N, C-alpha and C. Protein backbone atom coordinates (compact mmCIF):
# COMPACT_ATOMS: atom_id res chain seq x y z
N MET A 1 -3.71 -27.55 5.02
CA MET A 1 -4.02 -28.22 3.78
C MET A 1 -5.54 -28.24 3.61
N PRO A 2 -6.04 -27.85 2.44
CA PRO A 2 -7.49 -27.85 2.24
C PRO A 2 -8.04 -29.27 2.18
N SER A 3 -9.32 -29.40 2.44
CA SER A 3 -9.94 -30.72 2.42
C SER A 3 -10.09 -31.21 0.98
N ILE A 4 -10.33 -32.50 0.85
CA ILE A 4 -10.47 -33.12 -0.47
C ILE A 4 -11.70 -32.56 -1.19
N GLU A 5 -12.76 -32.31 -0.45
CA GLU A 5 -13.98 -31.79 -1.07
C GLU A 5 -13.74 -30.40 -1.66
N LEU A 6 -13.03 -29.57 -0.93
CA LEU A 6 -12.74 -28.23 -1.43
C LEU A 6 -11.82 -28.29 -2.64
N SER A 7 -10.82 -29.17 -2.60
CA SER A 7 -9.89 -29.31 -3.73
C SER A 7 -10.62 -29.76 -4.99
N ILE A 8 -11.55 -30.70 -4.84
CA ILE A 8 -12.30 -31.19 -6.01
C ILE A 8 -13.22 -30.10 -6.54
N GLY A 9 -13.88 -29.37 -5.65
CA GLY A 9 -14.79 -28.31 -6.10
C GLY A 9 -14.07 -27.20 -6.84
N VAL A 10 -12.95 -26.75 -6.30
CA VAL A 10 -12.18 -25.70 -6.96
C VAL A 10 -11.59 -26.23 -8.27
N GLY A 11 -11.17 -27.51 -8.27
CA GLY A 11 -10.65 -28.12 -9.48
C GLY A 11 -11.70 -28.20 -10.57
N PHE A 12 -12.96 -28.45 -10.21
CA PHE A 12 -14.03 -28.49 -11.20
C PHE A 12 -14.17 -27.13 -11.88
N PHE A 13 -14.17 -26.07 -11.08
CA PHE A 13 -14.31 -24.74 -11.67
C PHE A 13 -13.08 -24.37 -12.51
N ALA A 14 -11.91 -24.82 -12.10
CA ALA A 14 -10.71 -24.59 -12.91
C ALA A 14 -10.80 -25.33 -14.24
N ALA A 15 -11.35 -26.55 -14.22
CA ALA A 15 -11.49 -27.32 -15.46
C ALA A 15 -12.52 -26.68 -16.39
N VAL A 16 -13.60 -26.18 -15.83
CA VAL A 16 -14.61 -25.51 -16.67
C VAL A 16 -14.03 -24.25 -17.30
N ALA A 17 -13.27 -23.49 -16.52
CA ALA A 17 -12.64 -22.28 -17.06
C ALA A 17 -11.62 -22.63 -18.15
N ALA A 18 -10.84 -23.70 -17.93
CA ALA A 18 -9.87 -24.13 -18.94
C ALA A 18 -10.57 -24.60 -20.21
N CYS A 19 -11.70 -25.28 -20.05
CA CYS A 19 -12.46 -25.74 -21.22
C CYS A 19 -13.00 -24.56 -22.02
N ALA A 20 -13.52 -23.56 -21.33
CA ALA A 20 -14.06 -22.39 -22.03
C ALA A 20 -12.95 -21.62 -22.75
N ILE A 21 -11.82 -21.46 -22.10
CA ILE A 21 -10.71 -20.73 -22.72
C ILE A 21 -10.15 -21.51 -23.91
N THR A 22 -10.05 -22.84 -23.76
CA THR A 22 -9.56 -23.68 -24.86
C THR A 22 -10.51 -23.64 -26.04
N ALA A 23 -11.81 -23.67 -25.78
CA ALA A 23 -12.78 -23.62 -26.87
C ALA A 23 -12.71 -22.30 -27.63
N LEU A 24 -12.37 -21.23 -26.93
CA LEU A 24 -12.27 -19.94 -27.59
C LEU A 24 -10.97 -19.76 -28.36
N LEU A 25 -9.87 -20.29 -27.84
CA LEU A 25 -8.56 -19.98 -28.42
C LEU A 25 -8.05 -21.02 -29.42
N VAL A 26 -8.37 -22.29 -29.24
CA VAL A 26 -7.83 -23.34 -30.10
C VAL A 26 -8.89 -23.70 -31.15
N PRO A 27 -8.53 -23.73 -32.43
CA PRO A 27 -9.51 -24.05 -33.48
C PRO A 27 -10.10 -25.46 -33.33
N ILE A 28 -11.29 -25.65 -33.91
CA ILE A 28 -12.02 -26.91 -33.77
C ILE A 28 -11.26 -28.09 -34.39
N GLY A 29 -10.54 -27.89 -35.44
CA GLY A 29 -9.87 -28.99 -36.12
C GLY A 29 -8.68 -29.56 -35.37
N GLN A 30 -8.17 -28.89 -34.37
CA GLN A 30 -7.00 -29.37 -33.64
C GLN A 30 -7.42 -30.02 -32.32
N LEU A 31 -7.96 -31.23 -32.44
CA LEU A 31 -8.49 -31.93 -31.27
C LEU A 31 -7.40 -32.32 -30.29
N GLU A 32 -6.28 -32.80 -30.79
CA GLU A 32 -5.22 -33.25 -29.89
C GLU A 32 -4.59 -32.07 -29.15
N VAL A 33 -4.52 -30.91 -29.79
CA VAL A 33 -4.01 -29.73 -29.11
C VAL A 33 -4.98 -29.31 -28.02
N ARG A 34 -6.27 -29.41 -28.29
CA ARG A 34 -7.27 -29.09 -27.27
C ARG A 34 -7.14 -30.01 -26.06
N PHE A 35 -6.96 -31.31 -26.32
CA PHE A 35 -6.79 -32.24 -25.21
C PHE A 35 -5.50 -31.97 -24.46
N ALA A 36 -4.44 -31.63 -25.18
CA ALA A 36 -3.16 -31.34 -24.52
C ALA A 36 -3.28 -30.11 -23.61
N VAL A 37 -3.98 -29.08 -24.07
CA VAL A 37 -4.17 -27.88 -23.25
C VAL A 37 -5.00 -28.21 -22.01
N MET A 38 -6.05 -28.99 -22.19
CA MET A 38 -6.88 -29.39 -21.05
C MET A 38 -6.09 -30.26 -20.07
N GLY A 39 -5.30 -31.19 -20.62
CA GLY A 39 -4.48 -32.04 -19.74
C GLY A 39 -3.45 -31.24 -18.98
N LEU A 40 -2.87 -30.24 -19.64
CA LEU A 40 -1.89 -29.38 -18.98
C LEU A 40 -2.56 -28.55 -17.87
N ALA A 41 -3.74 -28.07 -18.13
CA ALA A 41 -4.47 -27.31 -17.10
C ALA A 41 -4.79 -28.21 -15.90
N GLY A 42 -5.22 -29.45 -16.17
CA GLY A 42 -5.50 -30.39 -15.08
C GLY A 42 -4.24 -30.74 -14.31
N CYS A 43 -3.13 -30.90 -15.02
CA CYS A 43 -1.85 -31.22 -14.39
C CYS A 43 -1.40 -30.08 -13.48
N CYS A 44 -1.53 -28.86 -13.94
CA CYS A 44 -1.12 -27.70 -13.14
C CYS A 44 -1.97 -27.59 -11.87
N TYR A 45 -3.28 -27.79 -12.01
CA TYR A 45 -4.11 -27.70 -10.81
C TYR A 45 -3.82 -28.85 -9.86
N ALA A 46 -3.59 -30.05 -10.38
CA ALA A 46 -3.29 -31.19 -9.51
C ALA A 46 -1.98 -30.97 -8.76
N ALA A 47 -1.01 -30.32 -9.41
CA ALA A 47 0.25 -30.00 -8.72
C ALA A 47 0.01 -28.98 -7.61
N PHE A 48 -0.89 -28.05 -7.85
CA PHE A 48 -1.22 -27.06 -6.83
C PHE A 48 -1.96 -27.70 -5.66
N ALA A 49 -2.92 -28.60 -5.96
CA ALA A 49 -3.70 -29.24 -4.90
C ALA A 49 -2.87 -30.24 -4.11
N ALA A 50 -1.91 -30.91 -4.75
CA ALA A 50 -1.01 -31.88 -4.10
C ALA A 50 -1.78 -32.97 -3.38
N ASP A 51 -2.76 -33.55 -4.07
CA ASP A 51 -3.54 -34.65 -3.51
C ASP A 51 -3.88 -35.61 -4.65
N LEU A 52 -3.56 -36.89 -4.48
CA LEU A 52 -3.77 -37.85 -5.56
C LEU A 52 -5.24 -38.11 -5.83
N ARG A 53 -6.06 -38.09 -4.78
CA ARG A 53 -7.50 -38.31 -5.01
C ARG A 53 -8.10 -37.16 -5.80
N ALA A 54 -7.73 -35.94 -5.44
CA ALA A 54 -8.22 -34.78 -6.20
C ALA A 54 -7.66 -34.79 -7.61
N ALA A 55 -6.43 -35.27 -7.79
CA ALA A 55 -5.83 -35.33 -9.12
C ALA A 55 -6.57 -36.34 -10.00
N ALA A 56 -6.94 -37.49 -9.43
CA ALA A 56 -7.68 -38.49 -10.22
C ALA A 56 -9.05 -37.97 -10.62
N VAL A 57 -9.74 -37.32 -9.70
CA VAL A 57 -11.05 -36.75 -10.03
C VAL A 57 -10.89 -35.63 -11.04
N MET A 58 -9.84 -34.84 -10.90
CA MET A 58 -9.58 -33.77 -11.87
C MET A 58 -9.35 -34.34 -13.26
N GLY A 59 -8.60 -35.46 -13.36
CA GLY A 59 -8.40 -36.10 -14.66
C GLY A 59 -9.70 -36.55 -15.29
N LEU A 60 -10.58 -37.12 -14.48
CA LEU A 60 -11.88 -37.57 -14.99
C LEU A 60 -12.73 -36.38 -15.44
N VAL A 61 -12.73 -35.32 -14.66
CA VAL A 61 -13.52 -34.13 -15.01
C VAL A 61 -12.98 -33.48 -16.29
N VAL A 62 -11.65 -33.37 -16.38
CA VAL A 62 -11.04 -32.77 -17.58
C VAL A 62 -11.37 -33.60 -18.81
N TRP A 63 -11.29 -34.92 -18.69
CA TRP A 63 -11.59 -35.78 -19.85
C TRP A 63 -13.05 -35.65 -20.27
N THR A 64 -13.97 -35.65 -19.30
CA THR A 64 -15.39 -35.54 -19.67
C THR A 64 -15.71 -34.19 -20.30
N LEU A 65 -15.14 -33.11 -19.76
CA LEU A 65 -15.40 -31.80 -20.36
C LEU A 65 -14.78 -31.69 -21.74
N ALA A 66 -13.57 -32.20 -21.91
CA ALA A 66 -12.92 -32.12 -23.22
C ALA A 66 -13.64 -32.99 -24.24
N THR A 67 -14.06 -34.19 -23.83
CA THR A 67 -14.76 -35.07 -24.76
C THR A 67 -16.14 -34.53 -25.09
N GLY A 68 -16.82 -33.99 -24.11
CA GLY A 68 -18.18 -33.52 -24.33
C GLY A 68 -18.29 -32.19 -25.02
N PHE A 69 -17.35 -31.26 -24.74
CA PHE A 69 -17.51 -29.91 -25.27
C PHE A 69 -16.46 -29.52 -26.30
N LEU A 70 -15.32 -30.18 -26.31
CA LEU A 70 -14.30 -29.80 -27.27
C LEU A 70 -14.30 -30.67 -28.52
N ILE A 71 -14.77 -31.91 -28.42
CA ILE A 71 -14.90 -32.76 -29.61
C ILE A 71 -16.31 -32.61 -30.18
N GLN A 72 -17.29 -32.76 -29.33
CA GLN A 72 -18.69 -32.59 -29.73
C GLN A 72 -19.16 -31.23 -29.22
N PRO A 73 -19.19 -30.21 -30.06
CA PRO A 73 -19.57 -28.87 -29.59
C PRO A 73 -20.97 -28.79 -29.00
N ALA A 74 -21.82 -29.78 -29.28
CA ALA A 74 -23.18 -29.74 -28.74
C ALA A 74 -23.22 -30.14 -27.27
N GLY A 75 -22.13 -30.66 -26.72
CA GLY A 75 -22.10 -31.05 -25.32
C GLY A 75 -22.50 -32.48 -25.07
N GLU A 76 -22.46 -33.32 -26.09
CA GLU A 76 -22.82 -34.73 -25.93
C GLU A 76 -21.56 -35.52 -25.60
N LEU A 77 -21.62 -36.35 -24.59
CA LEU A 77 -20.49 -37.17 -24.19
C LEU A 77 -20.58 -38.50 -24.94
N ILE A 78 -19.86 -38.59 -26.05
CA ILE A 78 -19.89 -39.77 -26.90
C ILE A 78 -18.48 -40.36 -26.92
N VAL A 79 -18.37 -41.64 -26.53
CA VAL A 79 -17.09 -42.35 -26.56
C VAL A 79 -17.07 -43.17 -27.84
N THR A 80 -16.08 -42.90 -28.69
CA THR A 80 -16.05 -43.54 -30.01
C THR A 80 -15.19 -44.79 -30.06
N GLY A 81 -14.38 -45.05 -29.05
CA GLY A 81 -13.57 -46.26 -29.08
C GLY A 81 -12.19 -46.02 -28.51
N VAL A 82 -11.20 -46.62 -29.18
CA VAL A 82 -9.82 -46.62 -28.70
C VAL A 82 -9.23 -45.21 -28.58
N PRO A 83 -9.44 -44.29 -29.53
CA PRO A 83 -8.85 -42.95 -29.36
C PRO A 83 -9.31 -42.24 -28.09
N ASP A 84 -10.59 -42.39 -27.74
CA ASP A 84 -11.09 -41.75 -26.52
C ASP A 84 -10.51 -42.40 -25.27
N VAL A 85 -10.34 -43.71 -25.30
CA VAL A 85 -9.74 -44.39 -24.15
C VAL A 85 -8.28 -43.96 -23.98
N LEU A 86 -7.55 -43.83 -25.09
CA LEU A 86 -6.17 -43.37 -25.01
C LEU A 86 -6.09 -41.93 -24.50
N ARG A 87 -7.01 -41.10 -24.94
CA ARG A 87 -7.04 -39.73 -24.42
C ARG A 87 -7.34 -39.71 -22.92
N PHE A 88 -8.27 -40.59 -22.51
CA PHE A 88 -8.61 -40.68 -21.09
C PHE A 88 -7.38 -41.08 -20.26
N VAL A 89 -6.68 -42.11 -20.71
CA VAL A 89 -5.49 -42.56 -19.99
C VAL A 89 -4.43 -41.47 -19.95
N ALA A 90 -4.25 -40.77 -21.07
CA ALA A 90 -3.23 -39.72 -21.12
C ALA A 90 -3.57 -38.56 -20.19
N VAL A 91 -4.83 -38.12 -20.19
CA VAL A 91 -5.22 -36.98 -19.36
C VAL A 91 -5.15 -37.35 -17.88
N VAL A 92 -5.63 -38.53 -17.51
CA VAL A 92 -5.57 -38.94 -16.10
C VAL A 92 -4.12 -39.12 -15.67
N ALA A 93 -3.27 -39.67 -16.54
CA ALA A 93 -1.85 -39.82 -16.20
C ALA A 93 -1.19 -38.46 -16.02
N MET A 94 -1.54 -37.49 -16.84
CA MET A 94 -0.98 -36.14 -16.68
C MET A 94 -1.40 -35.54 -15.33
N CYS A 95 -2.68 -35.71 -14.98
CA CYS A 95 -3.17 -35.15 -13.71
C CYS A 95 -2.53 -35.86 -12.52
N LEU A 96 -2.39 -37.17 -12.59
CA LEU A 96 -1.76 -37.90 -11.49
C LEU A 96 -0.28 -37.54 -11.35
N SER A 97 0.39 -37.34 -12.48
CA SER A 97 1.80 -36.94 -12.39
C SER A 97 1.92 -35.54 -11.79
N GLY A 98 0.99 -34.66 -12.11
CA GLY A 98 0.99 -33.34 -11.48
C GLY A 98 0.73 -33.43 -9.98
N GLY A 99 -0.19 -34.31 -9.58
CA GLY A 99 -0.45 -34.51 -8.15
C GLY A 99 0.76 -35.07 -7.42
N LEU A 100 1.46 -36.03 -8.04
CA LEU A 100 2.68 -36.57 -7.43
C LEU A 100 3.76 -35.49 -7.30
N TYR A 101 3.90 -34.68 -8.33
CA TYR A 101 4.87 -33.59 -8.27
C TYR A 101 4.54 -32.63 -7.12
N GLY A 102 3.27 -32.31 -6.97
CA GLY A 102 2.87 -31.41 -5.89
C GLY A 102 3.14 -32.02 -4.52
N ILE A 103 2.90 -33.31 -4.37
CA ILE A 103 3.16 -33.97 -3.09
C ILE A 103 4.65 -33.98 -2.79
N MET A 104 5.46 -34.33 -3.81
CA MET A 104 6.91 -34.35 -3.59
C MET A 104 7.44 -32.95 -3.28
N ARG A 105 6.91 -31.97 -3.92
CA ARG A 105 7.36 -30.59 -3.67
C ARG A 105 6.96 -30.13 -2.28
N ARG A 106 5.78 -30.51 -1.83
CA ARG A 106 5.33 -30.13 -0.49
C ARG A 106 6.18 -30.81 0.59
N HIS A 107 6.53 -32.08 0.36
CA HIS A 107 7.34 -32.78 1.37
C HIS A 107 8.80 -32.37 1.33
N ALA A 108 9.26 -31.78 0.24
CA ALA A 108 10.64 -31.34 0.15
C ALA A 108 10.88 -30.06 0.94
N ARG A 109 9.84 -29.32 1.25
CA ARG A 109 9.98 -28.08 2.01
C ARG A 109 10.24 -28.41 3.48
N PRO A 110 10.98 -27.57 4.16
CA PRO A 110 11.17 -27.81 5.60
C PRO A 110 9.86 -27.63 6.33
N GLY A 111 9.47 -28.60 7.05
CA GLY A 111 8.20 -28.56 7.79
C GLY A 111 7.03 -29.05 6.98
N GLY A 112 7.15 -29.15 5.66
CA GLY A 112 6.07 -29.65 4.83
C GLY A 112 4.87 -28.74 4.74
N LYS A 113 5.04 -27.46 5.05
CA LYS A 113 3.91 -26.54 5.03
C LYS A 113 4.14 -25.47 3.99
N ARG A 114 3.08 -24.85 3.57
CA ARG A 114 3.18 -23.76 2.59
C ARG A 114 3.82 -22.52 3.20
N GLU A 115 3.64 -22.30 4.49
CA GLU A 115 4.16 -21.09 5.12
C GLU A 115 5.68 -21.11 5.24
N ALA A 116 6.28 -22.27 5.13
CA ALA A 116 7.73 -22.39 5.33
C ALA A 116 8.51 -22.01 4.07
N ARG A 117 7.86 -21.44 3.07
CA ARG A 117 8.53 -21.13 1.82
C ARG A 117 9.50 -19.97 1.98
N ARG A 118 9.13 -18.90 2.65
CA ARG A 118 10.00 -17.74 2.80
C ARG A 118 10.71 -17.81 4.14
N ARG A 119 12.01 -17.79 4.11
CA ARG A 119 12.78 -17.86 5.35
C ARG A 119 13.02 -16.49 5.95
N ASP A 120 12.97 -15.44 5.13
CA ASP A 120 13.25 -14.11 5.64
C ASP A 120 12.00 -13.42 6.18
N ALA A 121 10.87 -14.10 6.14
CA ALA A 121 9.63 -13.51 6.64
C ALA A 121 9.69 -13.38 8.15
N PRO A 122 9.18 -12.31 8.70
CA PRO A 122 9.21 -12.16 10.16
C PRO A 122 8.30 -13.21 10.81
N GLN A 123 8.80 -13.77 11.88
CA GLN A 123 8.06 -14.80 12.59
C GLN A 123 7.14 -14.13 13.61
N PRO A 124 5.96 -14.69 13.85
CA PRO A 124 5.08 -14.11 14.86
C PRO A 124 5.68 -14.33 16.24
N PRO A 125 5.34 -13.46 17.18
CA PRO A 125 5.88 -13.64 18.54
C PRO A 125 5.38 -14.94 19.14
N PRO A 126 6.15 -15.54 20.03
CA PRO A 126 5.71 -16.80 20.63
C PRO A 126 4.44 -16.58 21.44
N ALA A 127 3.62 -17.58 21.43
CA ALA A 127 2.34 -17.47 22.12
C ALA A 127 2.56 -17.47 23.63
N ARG A 128 1.92 -16.53 24.29
CA ARG A 128 2.01 -16.47 25.75
C ARG A 128 0.91 -17.33 26.33
N PRO A 129 1.16 -17.92 27.49
CA PRO A 129 0.09 -18.72 28.09
C PRO A 129 -1.07 -17.80 28.48
N ALA A 130 -2.23 -18.34 28.37
CA ALA A 130 -3.42 -17.55 28.69
C ALA A 130 -3.43 -17.21 30.18
N LEU A 131 -3.70 -15.96 30.48
CA LEU A 131 -3.78 -15.54 31.87
C LEU A 131 -5.13 -15.95 32.44
N ARG A 132 -5.08 -16.52 33.61
CA ARG A 132 -6.32 -16.94 34.25
C ARG A 132 -6.90 -15.76 35.00
N ARG A 133 -8.09 -15.42 34.69
CA ARG A 133 -8.73 -14.28 35.34
C ARG A 133 -9.40 -14.76 36.62
N VAL A 134 -9.00 -14.20 37.72
CA VAL A 134 -9.57 -14.57 39.01
C VAL A 134 -10.65 -13.55 39.35
N PRO A 135 -11.85 -14.01 39.61
CA PRO A 135 -12.91 -13.04 39.95
C PRO A 135 -12.63 -12.43 41.33
N PRO A 136 -13.05 -11.19 41.51
CA PRO A 136 -12.82 -10.55 42.82
C PRO A 136 -13.65 -11.23 43.90
N ARG A 137 -13.13 -11.20 45.14
CA ARG A 137 -13.87 -11.79 46.25
C ARG A 137 -15.06 -10.92 46.59
N ARG A 138 -16.17 -11.58 46.81
CA ARG A 138 -17.37 -10.81 47.15
C ARG A 138 -17.46 -10.58 48.65
N TYR A 139 -16.96 -11.52 49.43
CA TYR A 139 -17.06 -11.39 50.87
C TYR A 139 -15.68 -11.57 51.49
N ALA A 140 -15.36 -10.74 52.42
CA ALA A 140 -14.08 -10.85 53.11
C ALA A 140 -14.24 -11.79 54.30
N PRO A 141 -13.23 -12.65 54.60
CA PRO A 141 -13.35 -13.54 55.76
C PRO A 141 -13.38 -12.72 57.05
N VAL A 142 -14.23 -13.14 57.98
CA VAL A 142 -14.41 -12.36 59.19
C VAL A 142 -13.90 -13.11 60.41
N GLY A 143 -14.39 -14.20 60.72
CA GLY A 143 -14.02 -14.88 61.96
C GLY A 143 -14.20 -16.36 61.84
N TRP A 144 -14.22 -16.98 63.00
CA TRP A 144 -14.37 -18.42 62.98
C TRP A 144 -15.66 -18.77 63.64
N CYS A 145 -16.28 -19.81 63.11
CA CYS A 145 -17.57 -20.27 63.61
C CYS A 145 -17.50 -21.78 63.69
N PRO A 146 -18.25 -22.46 64.53
CA PRO A 146 -18.20 -23.93 64.58
C PRO A 146 -18.52 -24.57 63.23
N SER A 147 -19.27 -23.90 62.41
CA SER A 147 -19.57 -24.48 61.10
C SER A 147 -18.53 -24.11 60.06
N GLY A 148 -17.48 -23.40 60.43
CA GLY A 148 -16.42 -23.02 59.50
C GLY A 148 -16.28 -21.51 59.44
N PRO A 149 -15.30 -21.03 58.67
CA PRO A 149 -15.12 -19.59 58.58
C PRO A 149 -16.35 -18.92 57.97
N VAL A 150 -16.62 -17.77 58.45
CA VAL A 150 -17.80 -17.03 58.01
C VAL A 150 -17.34 -15.85 57.17
N ALA A 151 -18.06 -15.58 56.12
CA ALA A 151 -17.76 -14.43 55.29
C ALA A 151 -18.80 -13.37 55.53
N ARG A 152 -18.35 -12.16 55.67
CA ARG A 152 -19.26 -11.05 55.89
C ARG A 152 -19.16 -10.15 54.67
N PRO A 153 -20.29 -9.78 54.09
CA PRO A 153 -20.22 -8.88 52.95
C PRO A 153 -19.68 -7.52 53.37
N PRO A 154 -18.90 -6.90 52.52
CA PRO A 154 -18.39 -5.57 52.87
C PRO A 154 -19.52 -4.55 52.85
N ALA A 155 -19.26 -3.45 53.49
CA ALA A 155 -20.26 -2.39 53.50
C ALA A 155 -20.40 -1.86 52.08
N GLY A 156 -21.55 -2.02 51.54
CA GLY A 156 -21.79 -1.60 50.17
C GLY A 156 -22.21 -0.15 50.10
N ARG A 157 -23.07 0.16 49.20
CA ARG A 157 -23.53 1.54 49.03
C ARG A 157 -24.37 2.00 50.21
N SER A 158 -25.08 1.03 50.79
CA SER A 158 -25.97 1.42 51.89
C SER A 158 -25.19 1.61 53.19
N GLY A 159 -24.00 1.03 53.30
CA GLY A 159 -23.23 1.18 54.53
C GLY A 159 -23.57 0.13 55.57
N ARG A 160 -24.56 -0.72 55.32
CA ARG A 160 -24.95 -1.73 56.30
C ARG A 160 -24.11 -2.98 56.13
N THR A 161 -23.85 -3.65 57.19
CA THR A 161 -23.17 -4.95 57.17
C THR A 161 -24.03 -5.95 57.91
N ILE A 162 -23.85 -7.20 57.61
CA ILE A 162 -24.59 -8.26 58.30
C ILE A 162 -23.70 -8.75 59.43
N SER A 163 -24.24 -8.78 60.60
CA SER A 163 -23.44 -9.21 61.74
C SER A 163 -23.79 -10.64 62.11
N GLY A 164 -22.89 -11.27 62.84
CA GLY A 164 -23.13 -12.62 63.34
C GLY A 164 -22.61 -13.67 62.39
N CYS A 165 -22.76 -14.89 62.80
CA CYS A 165 -22.32 -16.01 61.97
C CYS A 165 -23.53 -16.82 61.56
N ARG A 166 -23.25 -17.93 60.88
CA ARG A 166 -24.36 -18.73 60.37
C ARG A 166 -25.06 -19.52 61.48
N CYS A 167 -24.33 -19.91 62.48
CA CYS A 167 -24.98 -20.78 63.47
C CYS A 167 -25.60 -19.99 64.62
N ARG A 168 -25.08 -18.86 64.98
CA ARG A 168 -25.74 -18.03 66.00
C ARG A 168 -25.66 -16.58 65.56
N GLY A 169 -26.64 -15.95 65.74
CA GLY A 169 -26.68 -14.55 65.33
C GLY A 169 -28.10 -14.06 65.42
N PRO A 170 -28.37 -12.94 64.80
CA PRO A 170 -29.72 -12.41 64.90
C PRO A 170 -30.75 -13.33 64.29
N ALA A 171 -30.39 -14.07 63.24
CA ALA A 171 -31.38 -14.93 62.60
C ALA A 171 -31.36 -16.33 63.17
N GLY A 172 -30.31 -16.73 63.92
CA GLY A 172 -30.23 -18.07 64.49
C GLY A 172 -29.57 -19.03 63.52
N PRO A 173 -29.53 -20.31 63.89
CA PRO A 173 -28.87 -21.30 63.04
C PRO A 173 -29.62 -21.51 61.73
N PRO A 174 -28.91 -21.94 60.68
CA PRO A 174 -29.59 -22.16 59.39
C PRO A 174 -30.52 -23.35 59.46
N ARG A 175 -31.54 -23.32 58.69
CA ARG A 175 -32.55 -24.39 58.69
C ARG A 175 -32.47 -25.23 57.50
């Protein structure tokens, strides 16, 4: 599920696109049709987002864009009284109802996830436990010493090996 911030940001761009398309297609004299188209666009996005907080913000954004750019073409946000308040309530109610529909639809699916929509889709193979990589031993155990088992490096490229143990040997006990 996307975060609330992402849902609001994408919803803002969807509202701006709906406002631009509405301004181009619906004549200026049909204000209520313009608001209905904007409210429907907000409702559809809120149903897709399926989040009530994003739906409420979407309703506010849709109302401000419609009031500012579809009633006043100059882009001035002027509230004239009761008709604007009624439009605000109607648009926010449409967006909230779309958000509720999206939430109910998401919870009606098995698992409540978007991926559970197709049942015939091939399922990914079950995850295997991660294999633990064991590093190779650098020294093979050689013998026993009073200070514990001693490891002697294998003969490398030079063919030389170190003889003796840590407590007695050519170098003597460790210091």
